[in-house]
Protein backbone atom coordinates (compact mmCIF):
# COMPACT_ATOMS: atom_id res chain seq x y z
CA UNK A 1 -21.71 78.95 68.50
CA UNK A 2 -19.30 78.01 71.26
CA UNK A 3 -16.40 75.62 70.81
CA UNK A 4 -15.67 74.86 74.42
CA UNK A 5 -15.27 78.41 75.81
CA UNK A 6 -14.51 80.10 72.47
CA UNK A 7 -17.33 82.21 71.06
CA UNK A 8 -17.74 82.01 67.27
CA UNK A 9 -19.94 84.86 66.06
CA UNK A 10 -21.28 84.66 63.46
CA UNK A 11 -21.12 80.85 63.31
CA UNK A 12 -19.55 80.96 59.86
CA UNK A 13 -16.13 79.40 59.30
CA UNK A 14 -13.49 79.79 56.60
CA UNK A 15 -12.35 76.29 55.61
CA UNK A 16 -8.66 75.36 55.68
CA UNK A 17 -7.39 75.34 52.09
CA UNK A 18 -3.78 74.64 51.12
CA UNK A 19 -2.14 77.58 49.39
CA UNK A 20 -5.17 79.77 50.00
CA UNK A 21 -6.01 80.35 53.66
CA UNK A 22 -2.70 81.85 54.70
CA UNK A 23 -2.52 84.97 56.86
CA UNK A 24 -3.31 87.58 54.14
CA UNK A 25 -6.55 85.95 53.03
CA UNK A 26 -7.60 85.14 56.58
CA UNK A 27 -7.31 88.84 57.46
CA UNK A 28 -9.55 89.77 54.51
CA UNK A 29 -12.12 87.16 55.57
CA UNK A 30 -12.08 88.43 59.15
CA UNK A 31 -12.62 91.99 58.00
CA UNK A 32 -15.73 90.82 56.18
CA UNK A 33 -17.18 89.30 59.34
CA UNK A 34 -16.02 85.67 59.26
CA UNK A 35 -16.52 84.20 62.74
CA UNK A 36 -13.69 81.65 62.68
CA UNK A 37 -10.82 81.32 60.22
CA UNK A 38 -8.87 78.11 59.67
CA UNK A 39 -5.23 78.13 58.65
CA UNK A 40 -3.83 75.94 55.89
CA UNK A 41 -3.39 72.37 57.06
CA UNK A 42 0.00 71.76 58.65
CA UNK A 43 2.00 68.54 58.39
CA UNK A 44 2.75 67.02 61.79
CA UNK A 45 6.09 65.68 60.59
CA UNK A 46 6.92 69.00 58.93
CA UNK A 47 6.69 70.62 62.36
CA UNK A 48 8.68 67.90 64.07
CA UNK A 49 11.47 68.04 61.50
CA UNK A 50 11.74 71.81 61.95
CA UNK A 51 10.78 72.68 58.37
CA UNK A 52 10.99 76.48 58.20
CA UNK A 53 8.11 76.89 55.76
CA UNK A 54 5.91 74.73 58.00
CA UNK A 55 6.89 76.66 61.13
CA UNK A 56 5.99 79.95 59.42
CA UNK A 57 2.49 78.59 58.90
CA UNK A 58 1.95 78.80 62.67
CA UNK A 59 1.93 82.61 62.54
CA UNK A 60 -1.29 84.12 63.87
CA UNK A 61 -2.06 87.85 63.82
CA UNK A 62 -4.18 89.16 66.74
CA UNK A 63 -6.73 90.57 64.26
CA UNK A 64 -7.60 87.12 62.89
CA UNK A 65 -8.51 85.43 66.14
CA UNK A 66 -10.31 83.22 66.89
CA UNK A 67 -8.34 80.92 64.60
CA UNK A 68 -8.16 77.16 64.16
CA UNK A 69 -4.86 75.47 63.26
CA UNK A 70 -5.36 72.19 61.42
CA UNK A 71 -2.88 69.31 61.59
CA UNK A 72 -2.65 66.27 59.35
CA UNK A 73 -0.73 63.03 59.66
CA UNK A 74 -1.23 59.37 60.45
CA UNK A 75 1.18 58.54 63.29
CA UNK A 76 -0.15 58.94 66.82
CA UNK A 77 3.13 60.00 68.42
CA UNK A 78 4.09 62.58 65.80
CA UNK A 79 0.53 63.94 65.78
CA UNK A 80 0.68 64.45 69.53
CA UNK A 81 4.10 66.11 69.45
CA UNK A 82 3.01 68.45 66.64
CA UNK A 83 -0.14 69.33 68.58
CA UNK A 84 2.00 70.20 71.59
CA UNK A 85 4.09 72.55 69.41
CA UNK A 86 0.93 74.31 68.23
CA UNK A 87 -0.36 74.43 71.79
CA UNK A 88 2.85 75.97 73.13
CA UNK A 89 4.16 78.08 70.26
CA UNK A 90 1.13 79.30 68.31
CA UNK A 91 -1.56 81.84 69.18
CA UNK A 92 -4.15 79.63 67.52
CA UNK A 93 -7.28 79.17 69.63
CA UNK A 94 -8.28 75.71 68.39
CA UNK A 95 -6.42 72.62 67.16
CA UNK A 96 -8.22 70.76 64.39
CA UNK A 97 -7.50 67.17 63.37
CA UNK A 98 -7.79 66.59 59.62
CA UNK A 99 -9.72 63.42 58.81
CA UNK A 100 -11.35 64.81 55.69
CA UNK A 101 -8.69 65.74 53.14
CA UNK A 102 -9.21 63.62 49.99
CA UNK A 103 -6.00 64.34 48.05
CA UNK A 104 -3.79 61.31 47.37
CA UNK A 105 -0.56 62.80 48.78
CA UNK A 106 -2.32 63.03 52.17
CA UNK A 107 -4.40 59.84 52.05
CA UNK A 108 -1.77 57.46 50.63
CA UNK A 109 0.42 57.67 53.78
CA UNK A 110 -2.74 57.12 55.84
CA UNK A 111 -3.65 60.72 56.71
CA UNK A 112 -6.68 62.87 56.01
CA UNK A 113 -9.77 60.94 54.99
CA UNK A 114 -7.84 57.65 55.11
CA UNK A 115 -8.11 57.84 58.90
CA UNK A 116 -11.86 57.30 58.51
CA UNK A 117 -11.00 53.78 57.32
CA UNK A 118 -9.11 53.07 60.54
CA UNK A 119 -11.43 54.16 63.33
CA UNK A 120 -9.24 52.59 66.02
CA UNK A 121 -6.29 54.76 65.03
CA UNK A 122 -8.57 57.77 64.59
CA UNK A 123 -9.85 57.27 68.13
CA UNK A 124 -6.32 56.86 69.46
CA UNK A 125 -5.17 60.10 67.80
CA UNK A 126 -8.13 62.15 69.05
CA UNK A 127 -7.80 60.86 72.63
CA UNK A 128 -4.04 61.40 72.69
CA UNK A 129 -4.19 64.93 71.26
CA UNK A 130 -7.01 66.00 73.61
CA UNK A 131 -5.01 64.69 76.58
CA UNK A 132 -1.78 66.40 75.44
CA UNK A 133 -3.01 69.98 74.82
CA UNK A 134 -4.87 72.77 76.60
CA UNK A 135 -6.59 74.20 73.53
CA UNK A 136 -9.95 72.80 72.36
CA UNK A 137 -9.60 70.00 69.81
CA UNK A 138 -11.97 69.63 66.87
CA UNK A 139 -12.16 67.06 64.06
CA UNK A 140 -12.97 67.61 60.38
CA UNK A 141 -14.28 64.58 58.52
CA UNK A 142 -16.24 63.55 55.45
CA UNK A 143 -19.33 61.43 54.92
CA UNK A 144 -17.06 58.42 54.49
CA UNK A 145 -14.52 56.92 52.11
CA UNK A 146 -17.08 55.92 49.47
CA UNK A 147 -20.79 55.09 49.24
CA UNK A 148 -20.11 51.58 50.54
CA UNK A 149 -18.27 52.93 53.57
CA UNK A 150 -20.38 55.68 55.14
CA UNK A 151 -19.19 55.85 58.74
CA UNK A 152 -19.29 59.52 59.67
CA UNK A 153 -21.90 58.97 62.42
CA UNK A 154 -19.76 56.27 64.00
CA UNK A 155 -16.65 58.44 63.84
CA UNK A 156 -18.51 61.50 65.12
CA UNK A 157 -19.61 59.53 68.19
CA UNK A 158 -16.02 58.34 68.67
CA UNK A 159 -14.75 61.92 68.40
CA UNK A 160 -17.22 63.13 70.99
CA UNK A 161 -16.43 60.29 73.39
CA UNK A 162 -12.70 60.95 72.88
CA UNK A 163 -13.00 64.56 74.03
CA UNK A 164 -13.40 66.53 70.79
CA UNK A 165 -15.12 69.88 71.33
CA UNK A 166 -16.74 70.12 67.87
CA UNK A 167 -16.96 68.30 64.55
CA UNK A 168 -17.03 69.53 60.97
CA UNK A 169 -18.78 67.30 58.44
CA UNK A 170 -18.27 67.68 54.69
CA UNK A 171 -21.23 65.95 53.08
CA UNK A 172 -19.21 64.18 50.38
CA UNK A 173 -17.22 60.96 50.32
CA UNK A 174 -13.51 60.85 49.64
CA UNK A 175 -14.17 59.27 46.24
CA UNK A 176 -16.40 62.20 45.29
CA UNK A 177 -13.59 64.65 46.07
CA UNK A 178 -15.41 67.95 45.31
CA UNK A 179 -17.78 66.68 42.62
CA UNK A 180 -21.44 65.84 42.79
CA UNK A 181 -23.86 67.11 45.40
CA UNK A 182 -23.09 67.34 49.10
CA UNK A 183 -25.34 65.21 51.29
CA UNK A 184 -26.95 67.54 53.80
CA UNK A 185 -29.06 64.70 55.23
CA UNK A 186 -25.95 63.00 56.60
CA UNK A 187 -24.95 66.25 58.32
CA UNK A 188 -28.42 66.33 59.91
CA UNK A 189 -27.97 62.73 61.07
CA UNK A 190 -24.67 63.63 62.74
CA UNK A 191 -26.30 66.61 64.49
CA UNK A 192 -28.95 64.23 65.84
CA UNK A 193 -26.40 61.74 67.12
CA UNK A 194 -23.94 63.90 69.07
CA UNK A 195 -24.27 66.68 71.62
CA UNK A 196 -21.18 68.72 70.69
CA UNK A 197 -21.39 71.44 67.99
CA UNK A 198 -21.51 70.24 64.39
CA UNK A 199 -20.32 72.48 61.56
CA UNK A 200 -21.84 71.68 58.17
CA UNK A 201 -19.74 71.91 55.02
CA UNK A 202 -20.60 71.52 51.34
CA UNK A 203 -22.41 73.40 48.57
CA UNK A 204 -22.82 76.71 50.41
CA UNK A 205 -22.22 79.24 47.63
CA UNK A 206 -23.95 82.26 49.16
CA UNK A 207 -26.25 83.57 51.88
CA UNK A 208 -29.42 81.80 50.71
CA UNK A 209 -27.68 78.39 50.67
CA UNK A 210 -26.14 79.16 54.06
CA UNK A 211 -29.54 79.71 55.64
CA UNK A 212 -30.91 76.58 53.94
CA UNK A 213 -28.07 74.47 55.36
CA UNK A 214 -28.76 75.73 58.87
CA UNK A 215 -32.48 75.06 58.51
CA UNK A 216 -32.12 71.66 56.82
CA UNK A 217 -29.56 70.18 59.19
CA UNK A 218 -29.91 72.05 62.48
CA UNK A 219 -26.12 72.42 62.45
CA UNK A 220 -24.50 74.88 64.81
CA UNK A 221 -22.19 76.46 62.26
CA UNK A 222 -21.33 76.35 58.56
CA UNK A 223 -17.99 76.17 56.80
CA UNK A 224 -17.23 77.90 53.50
CA UNK A 225 -14.48 76.58 51.23
CA UNK A 226 -14.30 77.01 47.47
CA UNK A 227 -17.02 79.68 47.38
CA UNK A 228 -14.71 81.95 49.39
CA UNK A 229 -11.91 81.83 46.81
CA UNK A 230 -11.49 85.37 45.54
CA UNK A 231 -14.66 86.26 47.42
CA UNK A 232 -14.11 87.39 51.03
CA UNK A 233 -17.39 89.31 50.71
CA UNK A 234 -19.28 86.03 51.03
CA UNK A 235 -18.85 86.30 54.80
CA UNK A 236 -20.38 89.78 55.11
CA UNK A 237 -23.22 88.80 52.79
CA UNK A 238 -24.01 85.65 54.81
CA UNK A 239 -23.78 87.53 58.11
CA UNK A 240 -26.15 90.25 56.87
CA UNK A 241 -28.65 87.75 55.48
CA UNK A 242 -28.68 85.54 58.58
CA UNK A 243 -29.09 88.49 60.92
CA UNK A 244 -31.37 90.78 58.92
CA UNK A 245 -32.64 88.85 55.90
CA UNK A 246 -31.02 91.41 53.61
CA UNK A 247 -29.10 90.47 50.46
CA UNK A 248 -26.08 92.72 49.94
CA UNK A 249 -25.14 93.96 46.48
CA UNK A 250 -22.22 92.30 44.71
CA UNK A 251 -18.89 94.15 45.06
CA UNK A 252 -18.03 96.38 42.12
CA UNK A 253 -15.25 95.56 39.69
CA UNK A 254 -13.15 98.31 41.30
CA UNK A 255 -13.67 96.82 44.76
CA UNK A 256 -12.61 93.42 43.49
CA UNK A 257 -9.41 94.76 41.96
CA UNK A 258 -8.58 96.97 44.97
CA UNK A 259 -9.04 94.02 47.33
CA UNK A 260 -7.02 91.76 45.07
CA UNK A 261 -4.12 94.20 45.13
CA UNK A 262 -4.38 94.62 48.90
CA UNK A 263 -4.28 90.84 49.17
CA UNK A 264 -1.06 90.91 47.16
CA UNK A 265 0.43 93.66 49.34
CA UNK A 266 -0.26 91.56 52.44
CA UNK A 267 1.42 88.57 50.79
CA UNK A 268 4.45 90.70 49.95
CA UNK A 269 4.93 91.48 53.65
CA UNK A 270 5.97 87.84 54.06
CA UNK A 271 7.25 86.76 50.65
CA UNK A 272 9.49 87.90 47.84
CA UNK A 273 7.57 89.94 45.24
CA UNK A 274 8.05 87.41 42.46
CA UNK A 275 6.81 84.52 44.60
CA UNK A 276 3.90 86.58 45.95
CA UNK A 277 2.80 87.57 42.44
CA UNK A 278 3.01 83.97 41.26
CA UNK A 279 0.78 82.92 44.15
CA UNK A 280 -1.64 85.77 43.44
CA UNK A 281 -2.22 84.79 39.82
CA UNK A 282 -4.84 82.18 40.70
CA UNK A 283 -6.38 84.49 43.31
CA UNK A 284 -6.60 87.34 40.78
CA UNK A 285 -8.48 85.09 38.37
CA UNK A 286 -10.88 84.16 41.16
CA UNK A 287 -11.43 87.81 42.12
CA UNK A 288 -12.46 88.64 38.56
CA UNK A 289 -14.76 85.65 38.18
CA UNK A 290 -18.19 86.68 36.96
CA UNK A 291 -17.06 89.93 35.36
CA UNK A 292 -17.63 90.39 31.61
CA UNK A 293 -14.92 89.26 29.18
CA UNK A 294 -12.69 88.00 31.98
CA UNK A 295 -11.47 85.18 29.72
CA UNK A 296 -9.69 87.82 27.62
CA UNK A 297 -7.42 88.81 30.51
CA UNK A 298 -6.85 85.49 32.28
CA UNK A 299 -3.81 84.52 30.19
CA UNK A 300 -2.21 87.93 30.82
CA UNK A 301 -2.69 87.50 34.57
CA UNK A 302 -0.93 84.14 34.50
CA UNK A 303 2.13 85.76 32.86
CA UNK A 304 2.52 88.64 35.34
CA UNK A 305 5.76 88.60 37.35
CA UNK A 306 5.71 91.90 39.26
CA UNK A 307 3.14 93.82 41.25
CA UNK A 308 3.21 96.70 38.76
CA UNK A 309 2.58 94.31 35.87
CA UNK A 310 -0.36 92.69 37.63
CA UNK A 311 -1.84 96.03 38.66
CA UNK A 312 -1.56 97.38 35.11
CA UNK A 313 -3.34 94.30 33.73
CA UNK A 314 -6.14 94.58 36.28
CA UNK A 315 -6.60 98.36 35.92
CA UNK A 316 -6.65 98.13 32.11
CA UNK A 317 -9.24 95.37 32.37
CA UNK A 318 -11.45 97.58 34.56
CA UNK A 319 -11.01 100.50 32.16
CA UNK A 320 -12.05 98.23 29.29
CA UNK A 321 -15.21 97.20 31.11
CA UNK A 322 -16.16 100.82 31.75
CA UNK A 323 -15.54 102.03 28.20
CA UNK A 324 -17.48 99.10 26.74
CA UNK A 325 -20.66 100.20 28.53
């Protein structure tokens, strides 16, 4: 897949997820063969006001490119100025406009999926950002606000006419949030109505589903969100299956723990140990998902405050699994 002149191979994308797709996890996904990683969504006003935490989110390591930096907001002028900052000060390859986030703190001020309810403003933002920056601009959107307001095809056509280089479509409405089944038919309809690349998103939990989404919709790429949490191996397994039709074995418990601890070490390069460990608690629980008796250790993980404490908990858990066999 090409987004303008940027080659995405394989055409598998890590979705932007707040508090999850920061630099450490993006590196792990890249190492497993992810074609394009997306950073956590960045507030346009956070950049304009010089918020230090927001500015740190623009960091891009050479090993994780190509990378897409996603912006959210609802004001045309601040969106454009934030896009210019990303264009000038970040090594990101692509600027993505968020018109799909369903969470109230983003939609209530008019950002995220709320922009799908104001197609005139959405069009104005896309046109203005495309005109203001040199990097390719993409747009992530949903099926619509609710089942009575399905307008993704209309907005996709607007995005294309406004100069967007690609579109990502999550096959759920805003009201659905992340529940129910994703509508792959609507993704197919978007593919059939625009000529720029369409990335399909929703209900891809592994390599078999990934291939089915490609075949069902004719989309040019797929995006993986929640299924990648604690599971960077999903990208290598999808790549292998798409290219060779081979299903890779699940990572061992030791591999999961080793990768979890490496994830933590990468986090600690940027953050205080206590903060990094607090952030890793949810990731650690995700890494262990599917292993036997994981419920017995989850509470202990959530109480860990140092790297050594977390490692001891995880290693003892692995030892318990082995001795129980």
